[in-house]
Each structure stands twice: as structure tokens, then as C-alpha cells.
């Protein structure tokens, strides 16, 4: 009796568990900035937005591509490593997403497109949620950086697979 299917399903299950934990922390960091939250408070916030939906259109935000990215690059400083935390953080936050998504898909064709579209869709859902629930501000540059982070993660995944370091893991998943 072969242990290959059992090993494959165990590896896939472990990867799925890691992905769920990663998504939990990503939501906590991006939507709630690490602060505690409750479903009750989100429900109340949604109710307030339904009472005054016009507030959505009067919110501050960045709707100009590369505005905040340019500002972040200008503020880069080696003496102050937190000067561009937003710039680097949004990019780094989605790198694991770009690595794990190809491992979770059993169908291996068009993976780049899937990673790109899923990174974009997840980031867009975060930005729209912040806008609608009034728990942050919409920033088109976050959308760009998060999507780029997913693509960078995919590039890392491809390099690891082509170098042979990831071959056994990717074959098991």
C-alpha cells in the first residue's frame, strides 16, 4: 500500500492550514492595523454606513496612482527604517500569498494570471471594505503594492521550483 496519496493530502492540508492562518493575520494587519476587533463592532459600523451611505463619497483617500508610492520612495531613509513602512509593508504582506497560491492550485497552467488576479481581487476587497465600513482609507497605491507583492511572491515560487529547492513540496501539493 502506497503512502503517496496520504502524504500528498497531509501536505495539502498543512499548506491550507498555514494559508488560513496567514489570511487571518493579513486581515488583522491590513484591515484592522493589528488592533482587536469584534464582529459586533463591524456589524454596527456597517449599520451606520447603511444609514448614511453618502459618507462613502466624501471620504479622504488616494485615488491617484503612484502618489503615495512616490512619496514613500522620496522618504526612504536608512537612518529611519520605518520611514517607508507603508511602501515596503504592503509589498511584503502579499509575498506569501504569491508563494502559497500556486501550491494550493492543483491545475498548474496560467498560474501567473491566477496569482495576479487573486492578489488584485484580494487587495481590492480590502480597500473597498475599508472604504465602505469606514475602518481605513482607500488607497490605489496599496492596491498596486499588494498586487506587486503577490507577483513577487510568485516569482520567488518559480525560482525555488526551478532551482529544485521547492520541487518536492510543489509535487506533493
N, C-alpha and C. Protein backbone atom coordinates (compact mmCIF):
# COMPACT_ATOMS: atom_id res chain seq x y z
N UNK A 1 0.84 -1.18 0.00
CA UNK A 1 0.00 0.00 0.00
C UNK A 1 0.88 1.24 0.00
N UNK A 2 0.64 2.15 -0.92
CA UNK A 2 1.46 3.34 -1.09
C UNK A 2 1.03 4.43 -0.10
N UNK A 3 2.02 5.16 0.42
CA UNK A 3 1.73 6.28 1.33
C UNK A 3 1.72 7.60 0.58
N UNK A 4 1.94 7.59 -0.74
CA UNK A 4 1.99 8.82 -1.53
C UNK A 4 0.70 9.64 -1.45
N UNK A 5 -0.49 9.07 -1.69
CA UNK A 5 -1.71 9.88 -1.58
C UNK A 5 -1.91 10.44 -0.18
N UNK A 6 -1.60 9.65 0.85
CA UNK A 6 -1.76 10.15 2.21
C UNK A 6 -0.79 11.29 2.49
N UNK A 7 0.44 11.14 2.04
CA UNK A 7 1.45 12.18 2.20
C UNK A 7 1.03 13.45 1.46
N UNK A 8 0.48 13.28 0.26
CA UNK A 8 0.05 14.41 -0.54
C UNK A 8 -1.10 15.14 0.14
N UNK A 9 -2.07 14.41 0.64
CA UNK A 9 -3.21 15.05 1.28
C UNK A 9 -2.80 15.70 2.60
N UNK A 10 -1.88 15.10 3.32
CA UNK A 10 -1.39 15.70 4.56
C UNK A 10 -0.66 17.00 4.28
N UNK A 11 0.17 17.00 3.24
CA UNK A 11 0.90 18.21 2.86
C UNK A 11 -0.05 19.31 2.41
N UNK A 12 -1.06 18.94 1.63
CA UNK A 12 -2.06 19.91 1.16
C UNK A 12 -2.85 20.48 2.34
N UNK A 13 -3.20 19.63 3.28
CA UNK A 13 -3.93 20.06 4.47
C UNK A 13 -3.08 21.01 5.32
N UNK A 14 -1.82 20.68 5.48
CA UNK A 14 -0.91 21.54 6.24
C UNK A 14 -0.75 22.90 5.56
N UNK A 15 -0.59 22.88 4.25
CA UNK A 15 -0.48 24.13 3.49
C UNK A 15 -1.75 24.96 3.61
N UNK A 16 -2.91 24.31 3.53
CA UNK A 16 -4.18 25.02 3.66
C UNK A 16 -4.31 25.64 5.06
N UNK A 17 -3.88 24.93 6.08
CA UNK A 17 -3.93 25.47 7.45
C UNK A 17 -3.00 26.68 7.59
N UNK A 18 -1.81 26.58 7.03
CA UNK A 18 -0.87 27.71 7.07
C UNK A 18 -1.46 28.90 6.32
N UNK A 19 -2.10 28.63 5.19
CA UNK A 19 -2.71 29.69 4.39
C UNK A 19 -3.84 30.38 5.16
N UNK A 20 -4.66 29.61 5.85
CA UNK A 20 -5.75 30.19 6.65
C UNK A 20 -5.20 31.07 7.76
N UNK A 21 -4.17 30.60 8.43
CA UNK A 21 -3.53 31.40 9.49
C UNK A 21 -2.94 32.68 8.90
N UNK A 22 -2.27 32.55 7.77
CA UNK A 22 -1.70 33.72 7.09
C UNK A 22 -2.80 34.72 6.74
N UNK A 23 -3.92 34.24 6.19
CA UNK A 23 -5.03 35.13 5.82
C UNK A 23 -5.61 35.83 7.05
N UNK A 24 -5.72 35.12 8.15
CA UNK A 24 -6.20 35.73 9.39
C UNK A 24 -5.31 36.91 9.79
N UNK A 25 -4.00 36.68 9.80
CA UNK A 25 -3.08 37.75 10.18
C UNK A 25 -3.06 38.87 9.14
N UNK A 26 -3.20 38.54 7.87
CA UNK A 26 -3.24 39.56 6.83
C UNK A 26 -4.46 40.47 7.02
N UNK A 27 -5.60 39.87 7.31
CA UNK A 27 -6.81 40.66 7.56
C UNK A 27 -6.63 41.53 8.80
N UNK A 28 -6.08 40.95 9.85
CA UNK A 28 -5.84 41.73 11.08
C UNK A 28 -4.92 42.92 10.81
N UNK A 29 -3.87 42.69 10.04
CA UNK A 29 -2.89 43.75 9.80
C UNK A 29 -3.43 44.80 8.84
N UNK A 30 -4.00 44.37 7.72
CA UNK A 30 -4.42 45.34 6.70
C UNK A 30 -5.72 46.05 7.08
N UNK A 31 -6.71 45.31 7.48
CA UNK A 31 -7.99 45.96 7.77
C UNK A 31 -8.04 46.62 9.14
N UNK A 32 -7.44 45.97 10.12
CA UNK A 32 -7.59 46.46 11.49
C UNK A 32 -6.30 46.97 12.10
N UNK A 33 -5.24 47.03 11.29
CA UNK A 33 -3.93 47.55 11.73
C UNK A 33 -3.46 46.87 13.01
N UNK A 34 -3.81 45.60 13.17
CA UNK A 34 -3.38 44.81 14.32
C UNK A 34 -4.21 45.01 15.57
N UNK A 35 -5.13 45.98 15.55
CA UNK A 35 -5.95 46.26 16.73
C UNK A 35 -7.02 45.19 16.90
N UNK A 36 -7.46 44.96 18.13
CA UNK A 36 -8.53 43.98 18.33
C UNK A 36 -9.83 44.45 17.66
N UNK A 37 -10.62 43.52 17.23
CA UNK A 37 -11.90 43.85 16.60
C UNK A 37 -12.92 42.79 16.98
N UNK A 38 -14.17 43.15 16.78
CA UNK A 38 -15.22 42.18 17.03
C UNK A 38 -16.22 42.24 15.88
N UNK A 39 -16.88 41.15 15.65
CA UNK A 39 -17.91 41.13 14.61
C UNK A 39 -19.04 42.07 14.94
N UNK A 40 -19.33 42.22 16.23
CA UNK A 40 -20.37 43.15 16.67
C UNK A 40 -20.05 44.58 16.24
N UNK A 41 -18.80 45.01 16.44
CA UNK A 41 -18.43 46.38 16.07
C UNK A 41 -18.46 46.56 14.55
N UNK A 42 -18.07 45.53 13.81
CA UNK A 42 -18.15 45.62 12.35
C UNK A 42 -19.60 45.72 11.89
N UNK A 43 -20.47 44.95 12.51
CA UNK A 43 -21.89 44.97 12.18
C UNK A 43 -22.48 46.36 12.46
N UNK A 44 -22.11 46.93 13.60
CA UNK A 44 -22.59 48.28 13.95
C UNK A 44 -22.07 49.31 12.96
N UNK A 45 -20.80 49.19 12.57
CA UNK A 45 -20.22 50.12 11.60
C UNK A 45 -20.93 50.00 10.26
N UNK A 46 -21.23 48.79 9.84
CA UNK A 46 -21.96 48.58 8.58
C UNK A 46 -23.35 49.22 8.67
N UNK A 47 -23.99 49.10 9.82
CA UNK A 47 -25.31 49.72 10.02
C UNK A 47 -25.24 51.24 9.91
N UNK A 48 -24.19 51.84 10.49
CA UNK A 48 -24.01 53.29 10.39
C UNK A 48 -23.80 53.71 8.94
N UNK A 49 -23.06 52.90 8.18
CA UNK A 49 -22.82 53.24 6.78
C UNK A 49 -24.11 53.10 5.97
N UNK A 50 -24.96 52.14 6.31
CA UNK A 50 -26.23 52.00 5.60
C UNK A 50 -27.17 53.17 5.89
N UNK A 51 -27.06 53.73 7.09
CA UNK A 51 -27.88 54.89 7.44
C UNK A 51 -27.44 56.14 6.69
N UNK A 52 -26.13 56.25 6.41
CA UNK A 52 -25.58 57.42 5.74
C UNK A 52 -24.62 56.99 4.63
N UNK A 53 -25.15 56.37 3.56
CA UNK A 53 -24.26 55.86 2.51
C UNK A 53 -23.49 56.96 1.77
N UNK A 54 -23.99 58.19 1.83
CA UNK A 54 -23.30 59.29 1.15
C UNK A 54 -21.92 59.58 1.76
N UNK A 55 -21.69 59.12 2.99
CA UNK A 55 -20.39 59.33 3.63
C UNK A 55 -19.27 58.67 2.85
N UNK A 56 -19.57 57.61 2.13
CA UNK A 56 -18.55 56.90 1.35
C UNK A 56 -17.92 57.84 0.34
N UNK A 57 -18.72 58.68 -0.30
CA UNK A 57 -18.23 59.53 -1.38
C UNK A 57 -17.56 60.81 -0.87
N UNK A 58 -17.62 61.04 0.42
CA UNK A 58 -16.99 62.24 0.98
C UNK A 58 -15.76 61.90 1.81
N UNK A 59 -15.26 60.71 1.64
CA UNK A 59 -14.09 60.25 2.40
C UNK A 59 -12.81 60.65 1.73
N UNK A 60 -11.83 60.91 2.54
CA UNK A 60 -10.49 61.14 2.03
C UNK A 60 -9.91 59.81 1.58
N UNK A 61 -9.04 59.86 0.63
CA UNK A 61 -8.37 58.65 0.14
C UNK A 61 -7.40 59.04 -0.95
N UNK A 62 -6.65 58.08 -1.41
CA UNK A 62 -5.73 58.32 -2.51
C UNK A 62 -6.25 57.58 -3.73
N UNK A 63 -6.70 58.34 -4.70
CA UNK A 63 -7.24 57.77 -5.92
C UNK A 63 -6.31 58.04 -7.11
N UNK A 64 -5.12 58.60 -6.84
CA UNK A 64 -4.15 58.92 -7.88
C UNK A 64 -3.02 57.88 -7.83
N UNK A 65 -2.90 57.05 -8.88
CA UNK A 65 -1.86 56.01 -8.87
C UNK A 65 -0.45 56.60 -8.70
N UNK A 66 0.33 55.94 -7.88
CA UNK A 66 1.74 56.23 -7.62
C UNK A 66 1.99 57.50 -6.79
N UNK A 67 0.94 58.14 -6.30
CA UNK A 67 1.12 59.34 -5.47
C UNK A 67 1.82 58.98 -4.16
N UNK A 68 1.28 58.02 -3.42
CA UNK A 68 1.88 57.63 -2.14
C UNK A 68 3.15 56.80 -2.34
N UNK A 69 3.23 56.07 -3.42
CA UNK A 69 4.44 55.31 -3.72
C UNK A 69 5.60 56.28 -3.94
N UNK A 70 5.37 57.33 -4.72
CA UNK A 70 6.41 58.34 -4.96
C UNK A 70 6.83 59.00 -3.66
N UNK A 71 5.87 59.33 -2.83
CA UNK A 71 6.17 59.95 -1.53
C UNK A 71 6.99 58.98 -0.66
N UNK A 72 6.63 57.73 -0.68
CA UNK A 72 7.36 56.73 0.10
C UNK A 72 8.79 56.57 -0.36
N UNK A 73 9.00 56.59 -1.68
CA UNK A 73 10.35 56.48 -2.22
C UNK A 73 11.18 57.70 -1.85
N UNK A 74 10.57 58.87 -1.90
CA UNK A 74 11.27 60.11 -1.52
C UNK A 74 11.67 60.09 -0.05
N UNK A 75 10.86 59.44 0.79
CA UNK A 75 11.11 59.43 2.23
C UNK A 75 11.98 58.27 2.68
N UNK A 76 12.42 57.41 1.73
CA UNK A 76 13.27 56.29 2.10
C UNK A 76 14.52 56.81 2.82
N UNK A 77 14.81 56.20 3.94
CA UNK A 77 15.97 56.62 4.72
C UNK A 77 16.54 55.42 5.45
N UNK A 78 17.85 55.27 5.36
CA UNK A 78 18.50 54.17 6.07
C UNK A 78 18.60 54.49 7.56
N UNK A 79 18.59 55.77 7.92
CA UNK A 79 18.67 56.13 9.33
C UNK A 79 17.35 55.92 10.05
N UNK A 80 16.24 55.95 9.28
CA UNK A 80 14.92 55.71 9.85
C UNK A 80 14.25 54.57 9.09
N UNK A 81 14.42 53.32 9.58
CA UNK A 81 13.88 52.17 8.83
C UNK A 81 12.36 52.16 8.72
N UNK A 82 11.66 52.95 9.53
CA UNK A 82 10.19 52.97 9.48
C UNK A 82 9.67 54.08 8.57
N UNK A 83 10.57 54.79 7.89
CA UNK A 83 10.15 55.92 7.06
C UNK A 83 9.23 55.51 5.92
N UNK A 84 9.40 54.32 5.42
CA UNK A 84 8.54 53.86 4.32
C UNK A 84 7.92 52.51 4.64
N UNK A 85 7.48 52.37 5.87
CA UNK A 85 6.86 51.13 6.31
C UNK A 85 5.65 50.77 5.45
N UNK A 86 4.85 51.76 5.08
CA UNK A 86 3.68 51.52 4.25
C UNK A 86 4.09 50.96 2.89
N UNK A 87 5.11 51.56 2.30
CA UNK A 87 5.59 51.14 0.98
C UNK A 87 6.08 49.70 1.01
N UNK A 88 6.99 49.41 1.91
CA UNK A 88 7.59 48.08 1.99
C UNK A 88 6.60 47.07 2.58
N UNK A 89 5.85 47.49 3.58
CA UNK A 89 4.92 46.59 4.25
C UNK A 89 3.84 46.04 3.33
N UNK A 90 3.27 46.90 2.49
CA UNK A 90 2.23 46.44 1.56
C UNK A 90 2.79 45.46 0.54
N UNK A 91 4.02 45.67 0.14
CA UNK A 91 4.66 44.75 -0.79
C UNK A 91 4.95 43.41 -0.12
N UNK A 92 5.56 43.47 1.06
CA UNK A 92 5.95 42.24 1.77
C UNK A 92 4.74 41.42 2.23
N UNK A 93 3.65 42.09 2.56
CA UNK A 93 2.48 41.39 3.10
C UNK A 93 1.89 40.38 2.12
N UNK A 94 2.03 40.64 0.82
CA UNK A 94 1.41 39.76 -0.17
C UNK A 94 2.39 38.76 -0.78
N UNK A 95 3.66 38.82 -0.44
CA UNK A 95 4.62 37.85 -0.98
C UNK A 95 4.25 36.42 -0.60
N UNK A 96 3.90 36.14 0.67
CA UNK A 96 3.49 34.76 0.98
C UNK A 96 2.26 34.31 0.19
N UNK A 97 1.37 35.24 -0.11
CA UNK A 97 0.18 34.93 -0.91
C UNK A 97 0.61 34.43 -2.29
N UNK A 98 1.56 35.13 -2.91
CA UNK A 98 2.05 34.75 -4.23
C UNK A 98 2.80 33.44 -4.24
N UNK A 99 3.35 33.05 -3.09
CA UNK A 99 4.05 31.77 -2.99
C UNK A 99 3.07 30.63 -2.75
N UNK A 100 2.09 30.86 -1.89
CA UNK A 100 1.18 29.77 -1.50
C UNK A 100 0.09 29.47 -2.52
N UNK A 101 -0.40 30.48 -3.23
CA UNK A 101 -1.49 30.25 -4.19
C UNK A 101 -1.11 29.20 -5.23
N UNK A 102 0.08 29.28 -5.86
CA UNK A 102 0.41 28.23 -6.84
C UNK A 102 0.49 26.83 -6.22
N UNK A 103 0.88 26.77 -4.95
CA UNK A 103 0.97 25.48 -4.29
C UNK A 103 -0.42 24.91 -3.98
N UNK A 104 -1.39 25.78 -3.79
CA UNK A 104 -2.74 25.32 -3.46
C UNK A 104 -3.54 24.90 -4.69
N UNK A 105 -3.21 25.46 -5.86
CA UNK A 105 -3.92 25.10 -7.08
C UNK A 105 -3.35 23.80 -7.63
N UNK A 106 -4.21 22.84 -7.89
CA UNK A 106 -3.75 21.58 -8.46
C UNK A 106 -3.53 21.73 -9.97
N UNK A 107 -4.27 22.64 -10.58
CA UNK A 107 -4.12 22.89 -12.01
C UNK A 107 -3.00 23.91 -12.19
N UNK A 108 -1.93 23.54 -12.86
CA UNK A 108 -0.72 24.35 -12.91
C UNK A 108 -0.65 25.35 -14.07
N UNK A 109 -1.59 25.33 -15.01
CA UNK A 109 -1.49 26.26 -16.12
C UNK A 109 -2.03 27.64 -15.75
N UNK A 110 -1.46 28.63 -16.36
CA UNK A 110 -1.83 30.04 -16.16
C UNK A 110 -1.73 30.47 -14.70
N UNK A 111 -0.75 29.98 -14.00
CA UNK A 111 -0.60 30.33 -12.59
C UNK A 111 -0.28 31.80 -12.38
N UNK A 112 0.55 32.36 -13.26
CA UNK A 112 0.87 33.78 -13.11
C UNK A 112 -0.40 34.62 -13.14
N UNK A 113 -1.26 34.33 -14.12
CA UNK A 113 -2.51 35.09 -14.25
C UNK A 113 -3.37 34.91 -13.00
N UNK A 114 -3.44 33.68 -12.49
CA UNK A 114 -4.24 33.43 -11.28
C UNK A 114 -3.70 34.21 -10.09
N UNK A 115 -2.39 34.15 -9.90
CA UNK A 115 -1.78 34.87 -8.78
C UNK A 115 -2.02 36.36 -8.92
N UNK A 116 -1.82 36.88 -10.13
CA UNK A 116 -2.03 38.31 -10.37
C UNK A 116 -3.47 38.71 -10.07
N UNK A 117 -4.41 37.98 -10.64
CA UNK A 117 -5.83 38.32 -10.47
C UNK A 117 -6.29 38.14 -9.02
N UNK A 118 -5.86 37.07 -8.38
CA UNK A 118 -6.27 36.85 -6.98
C UNK A 118 -5.64 37.87 -6.05
N UNK A 119 -4.39 38.25 -6.30
CA UNK A 119 -3.74 39.29 -5.49
C UNK A 119 -4.49 40.61 -5.65
N UNK A 120 -4.81 40.94 -6.90
CA UNK A 120 -5.55 42.17 -7.17
C UNK A 120 -6.93 42.14 -6.52
N UNK A 121 -7.64 41.03 -6.68
CA UNK A 121 -9.00 40.91 -6.14
C UNK A 121 -9.00 40.98 -4.61
N UNK A 122 -8.06 40.31 -3.97
CA UNK A 122 -7.99 40.34 -2.51
C UNK A 122 -7.67 41.75 -2.02
N UNK A 123 -6.71 42.39 -2.65
CA UNK A 123 -6.35 43.75 -2.27
C UNK A 123 -7.51 44.71 -2.50
N UNK A 124 -8.18 44.58 -3.63
CA UNK A 124 -9.34 45.43 -3.91
C UNK A 124 -10.43 45.22 -2.87
N UNK A 125 -10.64 43.98 -2.47
CA UNK A 125 -11.67 43.72 -1.45
C UNK A 125 -11.28 44.36 -0.11
N UNK A 126 -10.00 44.36 0.22
CA UNK A 126 -9.55 45.04 1.44
C UNK A 126 -9.79 46.55 1.34
N UNK A 127 -9.44 47.13 0.22
CA UNK A 127 -9.58 48.58 0.05
C UNK A 127 -11.05 49.00 0.07
N UNK A 128 -11.89 48.25 -0.61
CA UNK A 128 -13.33 48.57 -0.64
C UNK A 128 -13.94 48.37 0.75
N UNK A 129 -13.53 47.32 1.45
CA UNK A 129 -14.02 47.09 2.81
C UNK A 129 -13.65 48.26 3.73
N UNK A 130 -12.43 48.74 3.62
CA UNK A 130 -12.01 49.90 4.42
C UNK A 130 -12.86 51.11 4.09
N UNK A 131 -13.14 51.31 2.81
CA UNK A 131 -13.92 52.46 2.37
C UNK A 131 -15.36 52.36 2.86
N UNK A 132 -15.97 51.22 2.65
CA UNK A 132 -17.39 51.05 2.97
C UNK A 132 -17.64 51.00 4.47
N UNK A 133 -16.79 50.29 5.21
CA UNK A 133 -17.00 50.16 6.65
C UNK A 133 -16.35 51.27 7.45
N UNK A 134 -15.70 52.19 6.74
CA UNK A 134 -15.11 53.36 7.41
C UNK A 134 -14.08 52.93 8.45
N UNK A 135 -13.26 51.93 8.10
CA UNK A 135 -12.24 51.45 9.03
C UNK A 135 -10.84 51.72 8.51
N UNK A 136 -10.74 52.55 7.52
CA UNK A 136 -9.47 52.93 6.94
C UNK A 136 -9.75 53.79 5.73
N UNK A 137 -8.74 54.03 4.95
CA UNK A 137 -8.92 54.84 3.76
C UNK A 137 -8.56 54.05 2.52
N UNK A 138 -9.25 54.35 1.44
CA UNK A 138 -8.97 53.70 0.17
C UNK A 138 -7.68 54.30 -0.38
N UNK A 139 -6.76 53.45 -0.81
CA UNK A 139 -5.50 53.91 -1.40
C UNK A 139 -5.19 53.04 -2.60
N UNK A 140 -5.25 53.63 -3.78
CA UNK A 140 -4.98 52.88 -5.00
C UNK A 140 -3.54 52.36 -5.01
N UNK A 141 -2.64 53.07 -4.34
CA UNK A 141 -1.25 52.60 -4.28
C UNK A 141 -1.11 51.33 -3.44
N UNK A 142 -1.93 51.17 -2.43
CA UNK A 142 -1.94 49.91 -1.68
C UNK A 142 -2.34 48.76 -2.60
N UNK A 143 -3.31 49.03 -3.45
CA UNK A 143 -3.76 48.04 -4.43
C UNK A 143 -2.61 47.65 -5.36
N UNK A 144 -1.87 48.63 -5.82
CA UNK A 144 -0.72 48.38 -6.71
C UNK A 144 0.36 47.60 -5.97
N UNK A 145 0.71 48.05 -4.76
CA UNK A 145 1.78 47.41 -3.99
C UNK A 145 1.42 45.98 -3.59
N UNK A 146 0.18 45.77 -3.14
CA UNK A 146 -0.24 44.43 -2.75
C UNK A 146 -0.19 43.48 -3.95
N UNK A 147 -0.68 43.93 -5.09
CA UNK A 147 -0.66 43.10 -6.29
C UNK A 147 0.78 42.78 -6.70
N UNK A 148 1.65 43.79 -6.64
CA UNK A 148 3.07 43.57 -6.95
C UNK A 148 3.69 42.58 -5.97
N UNK A 149 3.30 42.66 -4.70
CA UNK A 149 3.80 41.71 -3.71
C UNK A 149 3.42 40.29 -4.05
N UNK A 150 2.18 40.09 -4.51
CA UNK A 150 1.75 38.75 -4.94
C UNK A 150 2.56 38.26 -6.13
N UNK A 151 2.84 39.16 -7.06
CA UNK A 151 3.64 38.80 -8.24
C UNK A 151 5.08 38.48 -7.84
N UNK A 152 5.65 39.26 -6.92
CA UNK A 152 7.00 38.98 -6.43
C UNK A 152 7.02 37.61 -5.74
N UNK A 153 5.99 37.32 -4.96
CA UNK A 153 5.89 36.01 -4.32
C UNK A 153 5.85 34.90 -5.35
N UNK A 154 5.11 35.11 -6.42
CA UNK A 154 5.05 34.10 -7.49
C UNK A 154 6.42 33.92 -8.13
N UNK A 155 7.14 35.03 -8.35
CA UNK A 155 8.49 34.95 -8.93
C UNK A 155 9.42 34.16 -8.01
N UNK A 156 9.30 34.38 -6.71
CA UNK A 156 10.10 33.63 -5.74
C UNK A 156 9.74 32.14 -5.81
N UNK A 157 8.44 31.85 -5.87
CA UNK A 157 7.97 30.46 -6.01
C UNK A 157 8.59 29.81 -7.24
N UNK A 158 8.54 30.50 -8.39
CA UNK A 158 9.08 29.95 -9.64
C UNK A 158 10.59 29.72 -9.53
N UNK A 159 11.31 30.66 -8.90
CA UNK A 159 12.76 30.49 -8.74
C UNK A 159 13.07 29.29 -7.85
N UNK A 160 12.30 29.12 -6.78
CA UNK A 160 12.52 27.99 -5.88
C UNK A 160 12.22 26.66 -6.57
N UNK A 161 11.16 26.64 -7.36
CA UNK A 161 10.81 25.42 -8.08
C UNK A 161 11.87 25.11 -9.14
N UNK A 162 12.29 26.11 -9.89
CA UNK A 162 13.27 25.86 -10.96
C UNK A 162 14.65 25.51 -10.40
N UNK A 163 14.97 25.97 -9.19
CA UNK A 163 16.27 25.63 -8.59
C UNK A 163 16.25 24.24 -7.96
N UNK A 164 15.07 23.65 -7.82
CA UNK A 164 14.96 22.33 -7.24
C UNK A 164 14.71 22.35 -5.74
N UNK A 165 14.78 23.51 -5.11
CA UNK A 165 14.56 23.58 -3.66
C UNK A 165 13.10 23.32 -3.29
N UNK A 166 12.20 23.66 -4.18
CA UNK A 166 10.77 23.56 -3.90
C UNK A 166 10.13 22.38 -4.61
N UNK A 167 10.90 21.63 -5.35
CA UNK A 167 10.34 20.58 -6.20
C UNK A 167 9.54 19.56 -5.40
N UNK A 168 10.09 19.08 -4.32
CA UNK A 168 9.38 18.04 -3.56
C UNK A 168 8.12 18.58 -2.92
N UNK A 169 8.16 19.81 -2.44
CA UNK A 169 6.97 20.40 -1.82
C UNK A 169 5.90 20.64 -2.88
N UNK A 170 6.28 21.26 -4.01
CA UNK A 170 5.28 21.56 -5.03
C UNK A 170 4.70 20.30 -5.66
N UNK A 171 5.48 19.24 -5.77
CA UNK A 171 4.95 17.99 -6.31
C UNK A 171 4.00 17.33 -5.34
N UNK A 172 4.24 17.48 -4.05
CA UNK A 172 3.36 16.87 -3.04
C UNK A 172 2.04 17.61 -2.93
N UNK A 173 2.04 18.88 -3.27
CA UNK A 173 0.81 19.66 -3.19
C UNK A 173 0.13 19.59 -4.50
